Amino acid sequence: MRAFLLDQPASTLDADQLRQFGVLHERLAVAERASELARIKRQHGYKDEDEVSLSTDTPNLEAICAKFDKEHFHSLDEVRFVVEGEGIFDVRDKSDRWVRIFVEEGDLIIIPANTYHRFMLTEMKKIRCARLFLNQDGWTPLYRKALASTT
């Protein structure tokens, strides 16, 4: 994991600094995936698990990625464990600044519920993640601009 303020790329943030605005990061052994994810589920109360894979072989990749690259939040935590590949999460901190977080194989990231974020693939255009959920009901993305236009 590599993280920094988007407007200050030379500013490196560590896991403790991410935790200050609710984002949790851990390095996990991919070979120990089952036991590590079971531990995370117990610690946080997550019940459901699935896997998502995106690559240049994914049909409609651009349309799928377009759902994630706009600023949004979910009413439940977003939990990703990168099994293969890499990606970019931009997350709003408590001062509403963008923090860019590069994740790669072995990174677990938990973006807390109701936290604005977006996701993009890197130039590699390949990521495979285990996803954990309290339930699937809170997974609908709520887009910032859409919410602003309804008020």
N, C-alpha and C. Protein backbone atom coordinates (compact mmCIF):
# COMPACT_ATOMS: atom_id res chain seq x y z
N MET A 1 0.85 -1.17 0.00
CA MET A 1 0.00 0.00 0.00
C MET A 1 0.89 1.23 0.00
N ARG A 2 0.50 2.16 -0.82
CA ARG A 2 1.16 3.46 -0.84
C ARG A 2 0.05 4.49 -0.84
N ALA A 3 0.13 5.47 0.06
CA ALA A 3 -0.93 6.47 0.18
C ALA A 3 -0.32 7.86 0.31
N PHE A 4 -1.04 8.85 -0.25
CA PHE A 4 -0.59 10.24 -0.17
C PHE A 4 -1.77 11.16 -0.45
N LEU A 5 -1.66 12.42 -0.04
CA LEU A 5 -2.66 13.42 -0.39
C LEU A 5 -2.56 13.68 -1.89
N LEU A 6 -3.67 13.65 -2.58
CA LEU A 6 -3.65 13.76 -4.04
C LEU A 6 -3.04 15.07 -4.50
N ASP A 7 -3.27 16.15 -3.75
CA ASP A 7 -2.70 17.44 -4.15
C ASP A 7 -1.29 17.64 -3.62
N GLN A 8 -0.77 16.64 -2.90
CA GLN A 8 0.61 16.69 -2.38
C GLN A 8 1.25 15.31 -2.55
N PRO A 9 1.57 14.91 -3.78
CA PRO A 9 2.05 13.54 -4.03
C PRO A 9 3.32 13.17 -3.25
N ALA A 10 4.08 14.15 -2.80
CA ALA A 10 5.29 13.84 -2.03
C ALA A 10 4.96 13.50 -0.57
N SER A 11 3.71 13.73 -0.15
CA SER A 11 3.30 13.47 1.23
C SER A 11 2.87 12.02 1.38
N THR A 12 3.67 11.20 2.02
CA THR A 12 3.34 9.80 2.21
C THR A 12 2.56 9.62 3.51
N LEU A 13 1.49 8.84 3.43
CA LEU A 13 0.69 8.54 4.62
C LEU A 13 0.84 7.06 4.95
N ASP A 14 0.89 6.75 6.23
CA ASP A 14 0.97 5.35 6.64
C ASP A 14 -0.39 4.88 7.16
N ALA A 15 -0.45 3.61 7.54
CA ALA A 15 -1.72 3.02 7.99
C ALA A 15 -2.28 3.75 9.21
N ASP A 16 -1.43 4.21 10.11
CA ASP A 16 -1.92 4.94 11.29
C ASP A 16 -2.58 6.25 10.89
N GLN A 17 -2.03 6.94 9.91
CA GLN A 17 -2.63 8.20 9.44
C GLN A 17 -3.95 7.94 8.72
N LEU A 18 -4.04 6.84 7.96
CA LEU A 18 -5.31 6.50 7.32
C LEU A 18 -6.38 6.19 8.38
N ARG A 19 -5.97 5.52 9.43
CA ARG A 19 -6.89 5.15 10.51
C ARG A 19 -7.52 6.39 11.16
N GLN A 20 -6.82 7.53 11.13
CA GLN A 20 -7.35 8.75 11.73
C GLN A 20 -8.65 9.21 11.08
N PHE A 21 -8.88 8.85 9.83
CA PHE A 21 -10.17 9.17 9.22
C PHE A 21 -10.95 7.91 8.86
N GLY A 22 -10.64 6.82 9.56
CA GLY A 22 -11.47 5.63 9.51
C GLY A 22 -11.06 4.54 8.55
N VAL A 23 -10.12 4.80 7.66
CA VAL A 23 -9.70 3.78 6.69
C VAL A 23 -8.72 2.83 7.37
N LEU A 24 -9.02 1.54 7.28
CA LEU A 24 -8.15 0.53 7.88
C LEU A 24 -7.38 -0.18 6.78
N HIS A 25 -6.11 -0.45 7.05
CA HIS A 25 -5.26 -1.18 6.11
C HIS A 25 -4.45 -2.21 6.87
N GLU A 26 -4.35 -3.40 6.30
CA GLU A 26 -3.50 -4.47 6.84
C GLU A 26 -2.86 -5.18 5.67
N ARG A 27 -1.68 -5.73 5.90
CA ARG A 27 -1.04 -6.64 4.94
C ARG A 27 -1.36 -8.04 5.42
N LEU A 28 -1.88 -8.86 4.52
CA LEU A 28 -2.23 -10.24 4.84
C LEU A 28 -1.52 -11.18 3.88
N ALA A 29 -1.24 -12.37 4.33
CA ALA A 29 -0.63 -13.38 3.48
C ALA A 29 -1.70 -13.99 2.58
N VAL A 30 -1.52 -13.87 1.28
CA VAL A 30 -2.48 -14.43 0.33
C VAL A 30 -2.61 -15.93 0.53
N ALA A 31 -1.52 -16.60 0.86
CA ALA A 31 -1.55 -18.05 1.08
C ALA A 31 -2.41 -18.42 2.29
N GLU A 32 -2.59 -17.48 3.21
CA GLU A 32 -3.40 -17.70 4.41
C GLU A 32 -4.76 -17.03 4.29
N ARG A 33 -5.21 -16.82 3.07
CA ARG A 33 -6.43 -16.06 2.79
C ARG A 33 -7.63 -16.52 3.61
N ALA A 34 -7.92 -17.81 3.62
CA ALA A 34 -9.13 -18.30 4.30
C ALA A 34 -9.11 -17.95 5.79
N SER A 35 -8.00 -18.23 6.46
CA SER A 35 -7.94 -17.96 7.90
C SER A 35 -7.89 -16.46 8.19
N GLU A 36 -7.18 -15.71 7.36
CA GLU A 36 -7.10 -14.26 7.57
C GLU A 36 -8.47 -13.60 7.38
N LEU A 37 -9.19 -13.99 6.33
CA LEU A 37 -10.51 -13.40 6.11
C LEU A 37 -11.50 -13.84 7.18
N ALA A 38 -11.37 -15.07 7.66
CA ALA A 38 -12.22 -15.52 8.76
C ALA A 38 -11.99 -14.66 10.00
N ARG A 39 -10.73 -14.32 10.26
CA ARG A 39 -10.39 -13.46 11.40
C ARG A 39 -11.01 -12.06 11.23
N ILE A 40 -10.89 -11.49 10.04
CA ILE A 40 -11.46 -10.16 9.77
C ILE A 40 -12.97 -10.20 9.93
N LYS A 41 -13.60 -11.26 9.44
CA LYS A 41 -15.06 -11.40 9.58
C LYS A 41 -15.45 -11.43 11.06
N ARG A 42 -14.73 -12.19 11.85
CA ARG A 42 -15.03 -12.26 13.30
C ARG A 42 -14.83 -10.90 13.95
N GLN A 43 -13.74 -10.22 13.64
CA GLN A 43 -13.42 -8.94 14.27
C GLN A 43 -14.45 -7.86 13.95
N HIS A 44 -14.96 -7.85 12.72
CA HIS A 44 -15.82 -6.75 12.27
C HIS A 44 -17.28 -7.15 12.07
N GLY A 45 -17.59 -8.43 12.21
CA GLY A 45 -18.97 -8.87 12.06
C GLY A 45 -19.44 -9.05 10.62
N TYR A 46 -18.51 -9.13 9.68
CA TYR A 46 -18.91 -9.33 8.28
C TYR A 46 -19.43 -10.74 8.11
N LYS A 47 -20.46 -10.89 7.29
CA LYS A 47 -21.13 -12.18 7.12
C LYS A 47 -20.92 -12.77 5.73
N ASP A 48 -21.06 -11.93 4.69
CA ASP A 48 -21.01 -12.41 3.32
C ASP A 48 -19.63 -12.20 2.72
N GLU A 49 -19.29 -13.05 1.76
CA GLU A 49 -18.01 -12.94 1.06
C GLU A 49 -18.20 -13.35 -0.39
N ASP A 50 -17.55 -12.64 -1.29
CA ASP A 50 -17.50 -13.06 -2.68
C ASP A 50 -16.19 -12.60 -3.27
N GLU A 51 -16.04 -12.77 -4.57
CA GLU A 51 -14.81 -12.36 -5.24
C GLU A 51 -15.16 -11.62 -6.51
N VAL A 52 -14.39 -10.60 -6.81
CA VAL A 52 -14.56 -9.83 -8.04
C VAL A 52 -13.22 -9.81 -8.76
N SER A 53 -13.29 -9.90 -10.08
CA SER A 53 -12.08 -9.88 -10.89
C SER A 53 -12.31 -8.96 -12.07
N LEU A 54 -11.39 -8.05 -12.29
CA LEU A 54 -11.44 -7.14 -13.43
C LEU A 54 -10.12 -7.22 -14.17
N SER A 55 -10.21 -7.29 -15.50
CA SER A 55 -9.01 -7.31 -16.33
C SER A 55 -9.42 -6.93 -17.75
N THR A 56 -8.44 -6.86 -18.62
CA THR A 56 -8.73 -6.54 -20.02
C THR A 56 -9.60 -7.61 -20.66
N ASP A 57 -9.69 -8.80 -20.07
CA ASP A 57 -10.56 -9.86 -20.58
C ASP A 57 -12.00 -9.73 -20.09
N THR A 58 -12.26 -8.82 -19.17
CA THR A 58 -13.61 -8.64 -18.62
C THR A 58 -14.50 -7.97 -19.65
N PRO A 59 -15.62 -8.61 -20.04
CA PRO A 59 -16.54 -7.96 -20.97
C PRO A 59 -17.07 -6.64 -20.39
N ASN A 60 -17.17 -5.62 -21.21
CA ASN A 60 -17.67 -4.30 -20.80
C ASN A 60 -16.86 -3.68 -19.66
N LEU A 61 -15.55 -3.89 -19.67
CA LEU A 61 -14.69 -3.40 -18.59
C LEU A 61 -14.86 -1.90 -18.38
N GLU A 62 -14.86 -1.12 -19.44
CA GLU A 62 -14.97 0.34 -19.29
C GLU A 62 -16.28 0.73 -18.62
N ALA A 63 -17.38 0.10 -19.01
CA ALA A 63 -18.68 0.42 -18.41
C ALA A 63 -18.71 0.02 -16.93
N ILE A 64 -18.11 -1.10 -16.60
CA ILE A 64 -18.06 -1.54 -15.21
C ILE A 64 -17.24 -0.55 -14.38
N CYS A 65 -16.07 -0.19 -14.89
CA CYS A 65 -15.19 0.74 -14.17
C CYS A 65 -15.84 2.12 -14.02
N ALA A 66 -16.67 2.51 -14.98
CA ALA A 66 -17.34 3.81 -14.92
C ALA A 66 -18.30 3.90 -13.73
N LYS A 67 -18.75 2.78 -13.20
CA LYS A 67 -19.62 2.79 -12.02
C LYS A 67 -18.84 3.16 -10.76
N PHE A 68 -17.54 2.87 -10.75
CA PHE A 68 -16.73 3.02 -9.55
C PHE A 68 -15.88 4.27 -9.54
N ASP A 69 -15.63 4.88 -10.71
CA ASP A 69 -14.66 5.98 -10.75
C ASP A 69 -15.27 7.35 -10.45
N LYS A 70 -16.56 7.38 -10.15
CA LYS A 70 -17.22 8.61 -9.74
C LYS A 70 -17.38 8.60 -8.21
N GLU A 71 -17.30 9.77 -7.62
CA GLU A 71 -17.35 9.88 -6.17
C GLU A 71 -18.68 9.36 -5.62
N HIS A 72 -18.58 8.43 -4.68
CA HIS A 72 -19.78 7.82 -4.10
C HIS A 72 -19.45 7.28 -2.71
N PHE A 73 -20.48 6.83 -2.02
CA PHE A 73 -20.28 6.11 -0.76
C PHE A 73 -21.29 4.99 -0.70
N HIS A 74 -21.12 4.13 0.28
CA HIS A 74 -22.05 3.03 0.54
C HIS A 74 -22.51 3.16 1.99
N SER A 75 -23.68 2.64 2.29
CA SER A 75 -24.18 2.73 3.66
C SER A 75 -23.54 1.68 4.58
N LEU A 76 -22.75 0.80 4.00
CA LEU A 76 -21.98 -0.18 4.76
C LEU A 76 -20.51 -0.08 4.35
N ASP A 77 -19.61 -0.66 5.16
CA ASP A 77 -18.19 -0.65 4.85
C ASP A 77 -17.91 -1.27 3.48
N GLU A 78 -16.87 -0.76 2.82
CA GLU A 78 -16.34 -1.39 1.61
C GLU A 78 -15.05 -2.09 2.02
N VAL A 79 -15.04 -3.41 1.87
CA VAL A 79 -13.91 -4.22 2.32
C VAL A 79 -13.35 -4.99 1.14
N ARG A 80 -12.06 -4.81 0.87
CA ARG A 80 -11.41 -5.48 -0.25
C ARG A 80 -10.08 -6.06 0.21
N PHE A 81 -9.86 -7.32 -0.15
CA PHE A 81 -8.56 -7.96 0.04
C PHE A 81 -8.04 -8.30 -1.35
N VAL A 82 -6.93 -7.69 -1.72
CA VAL A 82 -6.38 -7.87 -3.07
C VAL A 82 -5.63 -9.20 -3.13
N VAL A 83 -6.16 -10.10 -3.94
CA VAL A 83 -5.58 -11.43 -4.11
C VAL A 83 -4.56 -11.41 -5.25
N GLU A 84 -4.81 -10.55 -6.23
CA GLU A 84 -3.94 -10.47 -7.40
C GLU A 84 -4.12 -9.11 -8.05
N GLY A 85 -3.05 -8.57 -8.61
CA GLY A 85 -3.14 -7.31 -9.33
C GLY A 85 -3.03 -6.09 -8.42
N GLU A 86 -3.61 -4.98 -8.90
CA GLU A 86 -3.49 -3.71 -8.16
C GLU A 86 -4.61 -2.76 -8.57
N GLY A 87 -4.83 -1.75 -7.72
CA GLY A 87 -5.86 -0.76 -7.99
C GLY A 87 -5.61 0.51 -7.20
N ILE A 88 -6.47 1.50 -7.43
CA ILE A 88 -6.34 2.80 -6.77
C ILE A 88 -7.68 3.16 -6.13
N PHE A 89 -7.65 3.45 -4.85
CA PHE A 89 -8.79 4.02 -4.16
C PHE A 89 -8.46 5.46 -3.83
N ASP A 90 -9.32 6.39 -4.21
CA ASP A 90 -9.25 7.76 -3.73
C ASP A 90 -10.33 7.89 -2.67
N VAL A 91 -9.94 8.36 -1.48
CA VAL A 91 -10.85 8.43 -0.34
C VAL A 91 -10.80 9.84 0.22
N ARG A 92 -11.96 10.39 0.58
CA ARG A 92 -12.00 11.72 1.21
C ARG A 92 -11.62 11.60 2.69
N ASP A 93 -10.70 12.48 3.13
CA ASP A 93 -10.37 12.50 4.55
C ASP A 93 -11.36 13.41 5.29
N LYS A 94 -11.15 13.64 6.56
CA LYS A 94 -12.09 14.43 7.36
C LYS A 94 -12.13 15.90 6.94
N SER A 95 -11.09 16.35 6.24
CA SER A 95 -11.06 17.73 5.72
C SER A 95 -11.55 17.80 4.28
N ASP A 96 -12.11 16.72 3.77
CA ASP A 96 -12.66 16.61 2.42
C ASP A 96 -11.58 16.67 1.34
N ARG A 97 -10.33 16.33 1.71
CA ARG A 97 -9.24 16.24 0.74
C ARG A 97 -9.17 14.81 0.22
N TRP A 98 -8.75 14.67 -1.04
CA TRP A 98 -8.57 13.34 -1.60
C TRP A 98 -7.26 12.74 -1.10
N VAL A 99 -7.34 11.50 -0.67
CA VAL A 99 -6.17 10.69 -0.35
C VAL A 99 -6.14 9.55 -1.34
N ARG A 100 -5.05 9.42 -2.06
CA ARG A 100 -4.91 8.34 -3.04
C ARG A 100 -4.21 7.17 -2.37
N ILE A 101 -4.82 5.98 -2.52
CA ILE A 101 -4.29 4.77 -1.91
C ILE A 101 -4.11 3.72 -3.00
N PHE A 102 -2.86 3.36 -3.27
CA PHE A 102 -2.56 2.27 -4.20
C PHE A 102 -2.55 0.97 -3.41
N VAL A 103 -3.31 -0.01 -3.87
CA VAL A 103 -3.34 -1.32 -3.23
C VAL A 103 -2.83 -2.36 -4.21
N GLU A 104 -2.24 -3.40 -3.63
CA GLU A 104 -1.69 -4.48 -4.44
C GLU A 104 -1.89 -5.80 -3.71
N GLU A 105 -1.45 -6.87 -4.33
CA GLU A 105 -1.61 -8.20 -3.76
C GLU A 105 -1.19 -8.22 -2.28
N GLY A 106 -2.09 -8.72 -1.44
CA GLY A 106 -1.83 -8.82 0.00
C GLY A 106 -2.38 -7.67 0.82
N ASP A 107 -2.89 -6.63 0.16
CA ASP A 107 -3.45 -5.49 0.89
C ASP A 107 -4.92 -5.71 1.21
N LEU A 108 -5.29 -5.48 2.45
CA LEU A 108 -6.68 -5.43 2.88
C LEU A 108 -6.98 -3.96 3.16
N ILE A 109 -8.06 -3.45 2.59
CA ILE A 109 -8.48 -2.08 2.86
C ILE A 109 -9.95 -2.11 3.27
N ILE A 110 -10.26 -1.35 4.31
CA ILE A 110 -11.64 -1.20 4.76
C ILE A 110 -11.94 0.30 4.74
N ILE A 111 -12.86 0.67 3.85
CA ILE A 111 -13.32 2.06 3.77
C ILE A 111 -14.63 2.10 4.53
N PRO A 112 -14.71 2.93 5.58
CA PRO A 112 -15.90 2.90 6.42
C PRO A 112 -17.16 3.37 5.69
N ALA A 113 -18.28 2.88 6.16
CA ALA A 113 -19.59 3.29 5.63
C ALA A 113 -19.67 4.81 5.59
N ASN A 114 -20.37 5.31 4.59
CA ASN A 114 -20.67 6.74 4.44
C ASN A 114 -19.43 7.60 4.19
N THR A 115 -18.37 6.99 3.69
CA THR A 115 -17.15 7.71 3.35
C THR A 115 -17.06 7.82 1.83
N TYR A 116 -16.96 9.05 1.34
CA TYR A 116 -16.85 9.25 -0.11
C TYR A 116 -15.53 8.69 -0.63
N HIS A 117 -15.62 7.99 -1.76
CA HIS A 117 -14.45 7.39 -2.37
C HIS A 117 -14.72 7.13 -3.85
N ARG A 118 -13.71 6.69 -4.55
CA ARG A 118 -13.82 6.23 -5.94
C ARG A 118 -12.73 5.20 -6.15
N PHE A 119 -12.89 4.39 -7.20
CA PHE A 119 -11.92 3.34 -7.48
C PHE A 119 -11.56 3.36 -8.96
N MET A 120 -10.28 3.11 -9.23
CA MET A 120 -9.79 3.02 -10.61
C MET A 120 -8.78 1.88 -10.71
N LEU A 121 -8.70 1.31 -11.88
CA LEU A 121 -7.63 0.36 -12.16
C LEU A 121 -6.34 1.13 -12.46
N THR A 122 -5.22 0.49 -12.24
CA THR A 122 -3.94 1.06 -12.64
C THR A 122 -3.71 0.73 -14.11
N GLU A 123 -2.57 1.13 -14.63
CA GLU A 123 -2.23 0.81 -16.02
C GLU A 123 -2.19 -0.69 -16.27
N MET A 124 -1.94 -1.47 -15.22
CA MET A 124 -1.93 -2.94 -15.34
C MET A 124 -3.31 -3.46 -15.77
N LYS A 125 -4.36 -2.75 -15.39
CA LYS A 125 -5.74 -3.13 -15.69
C LYS A 125 -6.07 -4.57 -15.27
N LYS A 126 -5.68 -4.88 -14.03
CA LYS A 126 -5.96 -6.21 -13.52
C LYS A 126 -6.02 -6.17 -12.00
N ILE A 127 -7.14 -6.66 -11.45
CA ILE A 127 -7.26 -6.80 -10.00
C ILE A 127 -8.25 -7.94 -9.72
N ARG A 128 -7.93 -8.70 -8.70
CA ARG A 128 -8.85 -9.73 -8.21
C ARG A 128 -8.91 -9.55 -6.71
N CYS A 129 -10.12 -9.39 -6.18
CA CYS A 129 -10.31 -9.08 -4.76
C CYS A 129 -11.36 -9.98 -4.14
N ALA A 130 -11.11 -10.35 -2.90
CA ALA A 130 -12.16 -10.91 -2.06
C ALA A 130 -12.88 -9.71 -1.45
N ARG A 131 -14.22 -9.79 -1.42
CA ARG A 131 -15.03 -8.71 -0.84
C ARG A 131 -15.79 -9.28 0.35
N LEU A 132 -15.82 -8.51 1.42
CA LEU A 132 -16.57 -8.90 2.61
C LEU A 132 -17.69 -7.90 2.84
N PHE A 133 -18.84 -8.38 3.34
CA PHE A 133 -20.01 -7.54 3.55
C PHE A 133 -20.69 -7.90 4.87
N LEU A 134 -21.29 -6.89 5.52
CA LEU A 134 -22.21 -7.19 6.61
C LEU A 134 -23.45 -7.86 6.01
N ASN A 135 -23.89 -7.31 4.89
CA ASN A 135 -24.93 -7.90 4.05
C ASN A 135 -24.87 -7.18 2.71
N GLN A 136 -25.56 -7.66 1.73
CA GLN A 136 -25.50 -7.07 0.40
C GLN A 136 -26.37 -5.82 0.26
N ASP A 137 -27.23 -5.55 1.24
CA ASP A 137 -28.19 -4.45 1.13
C ASP A 137 -27.54 -3.07 1.06
N GLY A 138 -26.41 -2.88 1.72
CA GLY A 138 -25.78 -1.57 1.77
C GLY A 138 -24.77 -1.33 0.67
N TRP A 139 -24.84 -2.12 -0.38
CA TRP A 139 -23.81 -2.06 -1.39
C TRP A 139 -24.12 -1.07 -2.52
N THR A 140 -25.32 -0.57 -2.61
CA THR A 140 -25.68 0.36 -3.66
C THR A 140 -24.84 1.63 -3.54
N PRO A 141 -24.15 2.04 -4.64
CA PRO A 141 -23.38 3.28 -4.56
C PRO A 141 -24.30 4.50 -4.55
N LEU A 142 -24.01 5.43 -3.67
CA LEU A 142 -24.75 6.69 -3.60
C LEU A 142 -23.79 7.79 -4.06
N TYR A 143 -24.07 8.34 -5.24
CA TYR A 143 -23.15 9.28 -5.88
C TYR A 143 -23.32 10.68 -5.32
N ARG A 144 -22.21 11.35 -5.07
CA ARG A 144 -22.22 12.68 -4.46
C ARG A 144 -22.99 13.70 -5.29
N LYS A 145 -22.72 13.79 -6.58
CA LYS A 145 -23.40 14.77 -7.43
C LYS A 145 -24.88 14.49 -7.52
N ALA A 146 -25.27 13.22 -7.57
CA ALA A 146 -26.68 12.89 -7.63
C ALA A 146 -27.40 13.32 -6.34
N LEU A 147 -26.74 13.11 -5.20
CA LEU A 147 -27.33 13.50 -3.92
C LEU A 147 -27.45 15.02 -3.83
N ALA A 148 -26.46 15.75 -4.31
CA ALA A 148 -26.48 17.21 -4.26
C ALA A 148 -27.60 17.78 -5.12
N SER A 149 -27.92 17.12 -6.23
CA SER A 149 -28.93 17.66 -7.13
C SER A 149 -30.35 17.41 -6.61
N THR A 150 -30.51 16.53 -5.61
CA THR A 150 -31.84 16.27 -5.06
C THR A 150 -32.18 17.17 -3.89
N THR A 151 -31.20 17.96 -3.44
CA THR A 151 -31.47 18.82 -2.28
C THR A 151 -31.79 20.24 -2.71
